[in-house]
Amino acid sequence: MLNNIGPMGFIIIAIVVLVLFGRGKISGVMGEVGKGITAFRRGMDDSRREIEETNTTVARDVTPTEERDRV
């Protein structure tokens, strides 16, 4: 069904949405969507950083305790 919508169909849908909701409401919604995307990316970066820190912490201390005591 969506395969039949061309560029003109998207333009008509955009005009209808603009008329129904108004410019102010749409810009407010888009602002919230932008904030959500930013928060999602920040969360992904924090998770990636936390995983990398955990991996480097585990990888740093690999010598057995007996050898560490001798040094």
PDB file of N, CA and C in Angstrom:
ATOM      1  N   MET A   1       0.816  -1.189   0.000  1.00  0.00           N
ATOM      2  CA  MET A   1       0.000   0.000   0.000  1.00  0.00           C
ATOM      3  C   MET A   1       0.866   1.262   0.000  1.00  0.00           C
ATOM      4  N   LEU A   2       1.906   1.304   0.841  1.00  0.00           N
ATOM      5  CA  LEU A   2       2.760   2.473   0.890  1.00  0.00           C
ATOM      6  C   LEU A   2       3.696   2.571  -0.307  1.00  0.00           C
ATOM      7  N   ASN A   3       3.826   1.491  -1.061  1.00  0.00           N
ATOM      8  CA  ASN A   3       4.683   1.523  -2.239  1.00  0.00           C
ATOM      9  C   ASN A   3       4.087   2.399  -3.338  1.00  0.00           C
ATOM     10  N   ASN A   4       2.779   2.630  -3.310  1.00  0.00           N
ATOM     11  CA  ASN A   4       2.117   3.406  -4.349  1.00  0.00           C
ATOM     12  C   ASN A   4       2.142   4.905  -4.076  1.00  0.00           C
ATOM     13  N   ILE A   5       2.593   5.337  -2.886  1.00  0.00           N
ATOM     14  CA  ILE A   5       2.624   6.763  -2.567  1.00  0.00           C
ATOM     15  C   ILE A   5       3.880   7.362  -3.168  1.00  0.00           C
ATOM     16  N   GLY A   6       3.693   8.347  -4.011  1.00  0.00           N
ATOM     17  CA  GLY A   6       4.824   9.010  -4.643  1.00  0.00           C
ATOM     18  C   GLY A   6       5.145  10.318  -3.943  1.00  0.00           C
ATOM     19  N   PRO A   7       6.018  11.102  -4.546  1.00  0.00           N
ATOM     20  CA  PRO A   7       6.378  12.396  -3.944  1.00  0.00           C
ATOM     21  C   PRO A   7       5.174  13.327  -3.779  1.00  0.00           C
ATOM     22  N   MET A   8       4.269  13.315  -4.747  1.00  0.00           N
ATOM     23  CA  MET A   8       3.073  14.165  -4.636  1.00  0.00           C
ATOM     24  C   MET A   8       2.194  13.724  -3.474  1.00  0.00           C
ATOM     25  N   GLY A   9       2.123  12.439  -3.234  1.00  0.00           N
ATOM     26  CA  GLY A   9       1.337  11.924  -2.111  1.00  0.00           C
ATOM     27  C   GLY A   9       1.893  12.405  -0.781  1.00  0.00           C
ATOM     28  N   PHE A  10       3.215  12.393  -0.641  1.00  0.00           N
ATOM     29  CA  PHE A  10       3.833  12.885   0.583  1.00  0.00           C
ATOM     30  C   PHE A  10       3.605  14.382   0.764  1.00  0.00           C
ATOM     31  N   ILE A  11       3.637  15.128  -0.329  1.00  0.00           N
ATOM     32  CA  ILE A  11       3.394  16.573  -0.239  1.00  0.00           C
ATOM     33  C   ILE A  11       1.955  16.840   0.199  1.00  0.00           C
ATOM     34  N   ILE A  12       1.015  16.111  -0.357  1.00  0.00           N
ATOM     35  CA  ILE A  12      -0.398  16.283   0.022  1.00  0.00           C
ATOM     36  C   ILE A  12      -0.601  15.919   1.488  1.00  0.00           C
ATOM     37  N   ILE A  13      -0.006  14.822   1.942  1.00  0.00           N
ATOM     38  CA  ILE A  13      -0.117  14.428   3.345  1.00  0.00           C
ATOM     39  C   ILE A  13       0.488  15.497   4.248  1.00  0.00           C
ATOM     40  N   ALA A  14       1.650  16.051   3.875  1.00  0.00           N
ATOM     41  CA  ALA A  14       2.282  17.100   4.671  1.00  0.00           C
ATOM     42  C   ALA A  14       1.397  18.333   4.762  1.00  0.00           C
ATOM     43  N   ILE A  15       0.741  18.712   3.665  1.00  0.00           N
ATOM     44  CA  ILE A  15      -0.147  19.877   3.672  1.00  0.00           C
ATOM     45  C   ILE A  15      -1.355  19.625   4.562  1.00  0.00           C
ATOM     46  N   VAL A  16      -1.922  18.432   4.487  1.00  0.00           N
ATOM     47  CA  VAL A  16      -3.081  18.103   5.322  1.00  0.00           C
ATOM     48  C   VAL A  16      -2.698  18.135   6.802  1.00  0.00           C
ATOM     49  N   VAL A  17      -1.562  17.572   7.142  1.00  0.00           N
ATOM     50  CA  VAL A  17      -1.110  17.577   8.533  1.00  0.00           C
ATOM     51  C   VAL A  17      -0.863  19.006   9.004  1.00  0.00           C
ATOM     52  N   LEU A  18      -0.272  19.815   8.163  1.00  0.00           N
ATOM     53  CA  LEU A  18      -0.018  21.216   8.509  1.00  0.00           C
ATOM     54  C   LEU A  18      -1.322  21.969   8.751  1.00  0.00           C
ATOM     55  N   VAL A  19      -2.319  21.743   7.923  1.00  0.00           N
ATOM     56  CA  VAL A  19      -3.607  22.415   8.081  1.00  0.00           C
ATOM     57  C   VAL A  19      -4.310  21.934   9.352  1.00  0.00           C
ATOM     58  N   LEU A  20      -4.249  20.632   9.616  1.00  0.00           N
ATOM     59  CA  LEU A  20      -4.956  20.088  10.781  1.00  0.00           C
ATOM     60  C   LEU A  20      -4.325  20.515  12.106  1.00  0.00           C
ATOM     61  N   PHE A  21      -3.014  20.467  12.194  1.00  0.00           N
ATOM     62  CA  PHE A  21      -2.360  20.703  13.485  1.00  0.00           C
ATOM     63  C   PHE A  21      -1.773  22.094  13.630  1.00  0.00           C
ATOM     64  N   GLY A  22      -1.469  22.748  12.565  1.00  0.00           N
ATOM     65  CA  GLY A  22      -0.892  24.080  12.656  1.00  0.00           C
ATOM     66  C   GLY A  22       0.613  24.031  12.818  1.00  0.00           C
ATOM     67  N   ARG A  23       1.237  25.154  12.461  1.00  0.00           N
ATOM     68  CA  ARG A  23       2.699  25.219  12.478  1.00  0.00           C
ATOM     69  C   ARG A  23       3.264  25.125  13.896  1.00  0.00           C
ATOM     70  N   GLY A  24       2.617  25.776  14.862  1.00  0.00           N
ATOM     71  CA  GLY A  24       3.117  25.784  16.239  1.00  0.00           C
ATOM     72  C   GLY A  24       3.132  24.403  16.861  1.00  0.00           C
ATOM     73  N   LYS A  25       2.068  23.658  16.667  1.00  0.00           N
ATOM     74  CA  LYS A  25       1.974  22.312  17.250  1.00  0.00           C
ATOM     75  C   LYS A  25       2.997  21.378  16.615  1.00  0.00           C
ATOM     76  N   ILE A  26       3.157  21.473  15.310  1.00  0.00           N
ATOM     77  CA  ILE A  26       4.106  20.592  14.614  1.00  0.00           C
ATOM     78  C   ILE A  26       5.536  20.912  15.035  1.00  0.00           C
ATOM     79  N   SER A  27       5.866  22.199  15.150  1.00  0.00           N
ATOM     80  CA  SER A  27       7.233  22.551  15.556  1.00  0.00           C
ATOM     81  C   SER A  27       7.500  22.101  16.991  1.00  0.00           C
ATOM     82  N   GLY A  28       6.492  22.170  17.851  1.00  0.00           N
ATOM     83  CA  GLY A  28       6.658  21.682  19.226  1.00  0.00           C
ATOM     84  C   GLY A  28       6.905  20.184  19.266  1.00  0.00           C
ATOM     85  N   VAL A  29       6.158  19.451  18.463  1.00  0.00           N
ATOM     86  CA  VAL A  29       6.332  17.996  18.411  1.00  0.00           C
ATOM     87  C   VAL A  29       7.709  17.645  17.850  1.00  0.00           C
ATOM     88  N   MET A  30       8.127  18.338  16.801  1.00  0.00           N
ATOM     89  CA  MET A  30       9.446  18.067  16.214  1.00  0.00           C
ATOM     90  C   MET A  30      10.565  18.406  17.202  1.00  0.00           C
ATOM     91  N   GLY A  31      10.375  19.454  18.007  1.00  0.00           N
ATOM     92  CA  GLY A  31      11.363  19.785  19.034  1.00  0.00           C
ATOM     93  C   GLY A  31      11.493  18.663  20.054  1.00  0.00           C
ATOM     94  N   GLU A  32      10.356  18.106  20.458  1.00  0.00           N
ATOM     95  CA  GLU A  32      10.380  16.993  21.411  1.00  0.00           C
ATOM     96  C   GLU A  32      11.009  15.744  20.794  1.00  0.00           C
ATOM     97  N   VAL A  33      10.746  15.509  19.520  1.00  0.00           N
ATOM     98  CA  VAL A  33      11.365  14.371  18.831  1.00  0.00           C
ATOM     99  C   VAL A  33      12.884  14.559  18.792  1.00  0.00           C
ATOM    100  N   GLY A  34      13.323  15.776  18.504  1.00  0.00           N
ATOM    101  CA  GLY A  34      14.759  16.065  18.482  1.00  0.00           C
ATOM    102  C   GLY A  34      15.398  15.842  19.847  1.00  0.00           C
ATOM    103  N   LYS A  35      14.723  16.267  20.914  1.00  0.00           N
ATOM    104  CA  LYS A  35      15.246  16.054  22.267  1.00  0.00           C
ATOM    105  C   LYS A  35      15.320  14.557  22.586  1.00  0.00           C
ATOM    106  N   GLY A  36      14.316  13.817  22.130  1.00  0.00           N
ATOM    107  CA  GLY A  36      14.316  12.370  22.362  1.00  0.00           C
ATOM    108  C   GLY A  36      15.461  11.676  21.639  1.00  0.00           C
ATOM    109  N   ILE A  37      15.711  12.079  20.407  1.00  0.00           N
ATOM    110  CA  ILE A  37      16.814  11.494  19.636  1.00  0.00           C
ATOM    111  C   ILE A  37      18.148  11.826  20.279  1.00  0.00           C
ATOM    112  N   THR A  38      18.295  13.080  20.748  1.00  0.00           N
ATOM    113  CA  THR A  38      19.533  13.486  21.412  1.00  0.00           C
ATOM    114  C   THR A  38      19.747  12.678  22.688  1.00  0.00           C
ATOM    115  N   ALA A  39      18.688  12.505  23.475  1.00  0.00           N
ATOM    116  CA  ALA A  39      18.804  11.726  24.713  1.00  0.00           C
ATOM    117  C   ALA A  39      19.143  10.269  24.411  1.00  0.00           C
ATOM    118  N   PHE A  40      18.560   9.720  23.352  1.00  0.00           N
ATOM    119  CA  PHE A  40      18.846   8.340  22.972  1.00  0.00           C
ATOM    120  C   PHE A  40      20.307   8.182  22.576  1.00  0.00           C
ATOM    121  N   ARG A  41      20.818   9.107  21.764  1.00  0.00           N
ATOM    122  CA  ARG A  41      22.227   9.038  21.349  1.00  0.00           C
ATOM    123  C   ARG A  41      23.160   9.185  22.543  1.00  0.00           C
ATOM    124  N   ARG A  42      22.827  10.101  23.463  1.00  0.00           N
ATOM    125  CA  ARG A  42      23.650  10.293  24.651  1.00  0.00           C
ATOM    126  C   ARG A  42      23.667   9.015  25.499  1.00  0.00           C
ATOM    127  N   GLY A  43      22.507   8.378  25.625  1.00  0.00           N
ATOM    128  CA  GLY A  43      22.433   7.121  26.366  1.00  0.00           C
ATOM    129  C   GLY A  43      23.248   6.021  25.711  1.00  0.00           C
ATOM    130  N   MET A  44      23.191   5.949  24.386  1.00  0.00           N
ATOM    131  CA  MET A  44      23.978   4.945  23.676  1.00  0.00           C
ATOM    132  C   MET A  44      25.472   5.191  23.855  1.00  0.00           C
ATOM    133  N   ASP A  45      25.893   6.457  23.771  1.00  0.00           N
ATOM    134  CA  ASP A  45      27.305   6.781  23.967  1.00  0.00           C
ATOM    135  C   ASP A  45      27.759   6.459  25.387  1.00  0.00           C
ATOM    136  N   ASP A  46      26.916   6.785  26.378  1.00  0.00           N
ATOM    137  CA  ASP A  46      27.261   6.474  27.766  1.00  0.00           C
ATOM    138  C   ASP A  46      27.375   4.973  27.980  1.00  0.00           C
ATOM    139  N   SER A  47      26.463   4.213  27.392  1.00  0.00           N
ATOM    140  CA  SER A  47      26.511   2.755  27.529  1.00  0.00           C
ATOM    141  C   SER A  47      27.764   2.191  26.871  1.00  0.00           C
ATOM    142  N   ARG A  48      28.082   2.693  25.685  1.00  0.00           N
ATOM    143  CA  ARG A  48      29.269   2.222  24.973  1.00  0.00           C
ATOM    144  C   ARG A  48      30.524   2.543  25.781  1.00  0.00           C
ATOM    145  N   ARG A  49      30.575   3.753  26.332  1.00  0.00           N
ATOM    146  CA  ARG A  49      31.737   4.172  27.137  1.00  0.00           C
ATOM    147  C   ARG A  49      31.857   3.303  28.390  1.00  0.00           C
ATOM    148  N   GLU A  50      30.722   3.004  29.027  1.00  0.00           N
ATOM    149  CA  GLU A  50      30.743   2.175  30.231  1.00  0.00           C
ATOM    150  C   GLU A  50      31.220   0.762  29.918  1.00  0.00           C
ATOM    151  N   ILE A  51      30.786   0.222  28.800  1.00  0.00           N
ATOM    152  CA  ILE A  51      31.213  -1.122  28.398  1.00  0.00           C
ATOM    153  C   ILE A  51      32.705  -1.131  28.109  1.00  0.00           C
ATOM    154  N   GLU A  52      33.206  -0.102  27.414  1.00  0.00           N
ATOM    155  CA  GLU A  52      34.635  -0.034  27.112  1.00  0.00           C
ATOM    156  C   GLU A  52      35.460   0.099  28.388  1.00  0.00           C
ATOM    157  N   GLU A  53      34.982   0.899  29.358  1.00  0.00           N
ATOM    158  CA  GLU A  53      35.707   1.038  30.622  1.00  0.00           C
ATOM    159  C   GLU A  53      35.733  -0.274  31.382  1.00  0.00           C
ATOM    160  N   THR A  54      34.620  -0.996  31.352  1.00  0.00           N
ATOM    161  CA  THR A  54      34.555  -2.287  32.036  1.00  0.00           C
ATOM    162  C   THR A  54      35.521  -3.269  31.385  1.00  0.00           C
ATOM    163  N   ASN A  55      35.555  -3.286  30.061  1.00  0.00           N
ATOM    164  CA  ASN A  55      36.443  -4.202  29.350  1.00  0.00           C
ATOM    165  C   ASN A  55      37.905  -3.863  29.604  1.00  0.00           C
ATOM    166  N   THR A  56      38.255  -2.588  29.635  1.00  0.00           N
ATOM    167  CA  THR A  56      39.651  -2.230  29.870  1.00  0.00           C
ATOM    168  C   THR A  56      40.049  -2.500  31.314  1.00  0.00           C
ATOM    169  N   THR A  57      39.132  -2.333  32.252  1.00  0.00           N
ATOM    170  CA  THR A  57      39.432  -2.625  33.648  1.00  0.00           C
ATOM    171  C   THR A  57      39.692  -4.110  33.834  1.00  0.00           C
ATOM    172  N   VAL A  58      38.890  -4.937  33.226  1.00  0.00           N
ATOM    173  CA  VAL A  58      39.063  -6.380  33.331  1.00  0.00           C
ATOM    174  C   VAL A  58      40.342  -6.798  32.620  1.00  0.00           C
ATOM    175  N   ALA A  59      40.655  -6.206  31.504  1.00  0.00           N
ATOM    176  CA  ALA A  59      41.816  -6.614  30.716  1.00  0.00           C
ATOM    177  C   ALA A  59      43.131  -6.140  31.337  1.00  0.00           C
ATOM    178  N   ARG A  60      43.118  -5.100  32.143  1.00  0.00           N
ATOM    179  CA  ARG A  60      44.357  -4.594  32.717  1.00  0.00           C
ATOM    180  C   ARG A  60      44.981  -5.565  33.716  1.00  0.00           C
ATOM    181  N   ASP A  61      44.188  -6.192  34.545  1.00  0.00           N
ATOM    182  CA  ASP A  61      44.706  -7.002  35.629  1.00  0.00           C
ATOM    183  C   ASP A  61      44.583  -8.476  35.267  1.00  0.00           C
ATOM    184  N   VAL A  62      45.519  -8.983  34.475  1.00  0.00           N
ATOM    185  CA  VAL A  62      45.436 -10.374  34.048  1.00  0.00           C
ATOM    186  C   VAL A  62      46.552 -11.244  34.620  1.00  0.00           C
ATOM    187  N   THR A  63      47.507 -10.658  35.312  1.00  0.00           N
ATOM    188  CA  THR A  63      48.591 -11.462  35.868  1.00  0.00           C
ATOM    189  C   THR A  63      48.109 -12.191  37.122  1.00  0.00           C
ATOM    190  N   PRO A  64      48.536 -13.444  37.273  1.00  0.00           N
ATOM    191  CA  PRO A  64      48.151 -14.181  38.471  1.00  0.00           C
ATOM    192  C   PRO A  64      48.715 -13.511  39.732  1.00  0.00           C
ATOM    193  N   THR A  65      48.079 -13.733  40.853  1.00  0.00           N
ATOM    194  CA  THR A  65      48.476 -13.066  42.089  1.00  0.00           C
ATOM    195  C   THR A  65      49.873 -13.495  42.544  1.00  0.00           C
ATOM    196  N   GLU A  66      50.271 -14.728  42.294  1.00  0.00           N
ATOM    197  CA  GLU A  66      51.609 -15.191  42.718  1.00  0.00           C
ATOM    198  C   GLU A  66      52.715 -14.419  42.007  1.00  0.00           C
ATOM    199  N   GLU A  67      52.563 -14.221  40.703  1.00  0.00           N
ATOM    200  CA  GLU A  67      53.571 -13.478  39.951  1.00  0.00           C
ATOM    201  C   GLU A  67      53.577 -12.005  40.336  1.00  0.00           C
ATOM    202  N   ARG A  68      52.444 -11.462  40.672  1.00  0.00           N
ATOM    203  CA  ARG A  68      52.373 -10.061  41.057  1.00  0.00           C
ATOM    204  C   ARG A  68      53.076  -9.836  42.401  1.00  0.00           C
ATOM    205  N   ASP A  69      52.990 -10.812  43.291  1.00  0.00           N
ATOM    206  CA  ASP A  69      53.630 -10.678  44.596  1.00  0.00           C
ATOM    207  C   ASP A  69      55.152 -10.751  44.483  1.00  0.00           C
ATOM    208  N   ARG A  70      55.668 -11.501  43.530  1.00  0.00           N
ATOM    209  CA  ARG A  70      57.114 -11.632  43.341  1.00  0.00           C
ATOM    210  C   ARG A  70      57.733 -10.353  42.805  1.00  0.00           C
ATOM    211  N   VAL A  71      57.010  -9.606  42.026  1.00  0.00           N
ATOM    212  CA  VAL A  71      57.560  -8.417  41.370  1.00  0.00           C
ATOM    213  C   VAL A  71      57.631  -7.288  42.305  1.00  0.00           C
TER     214      VAL A  71
END
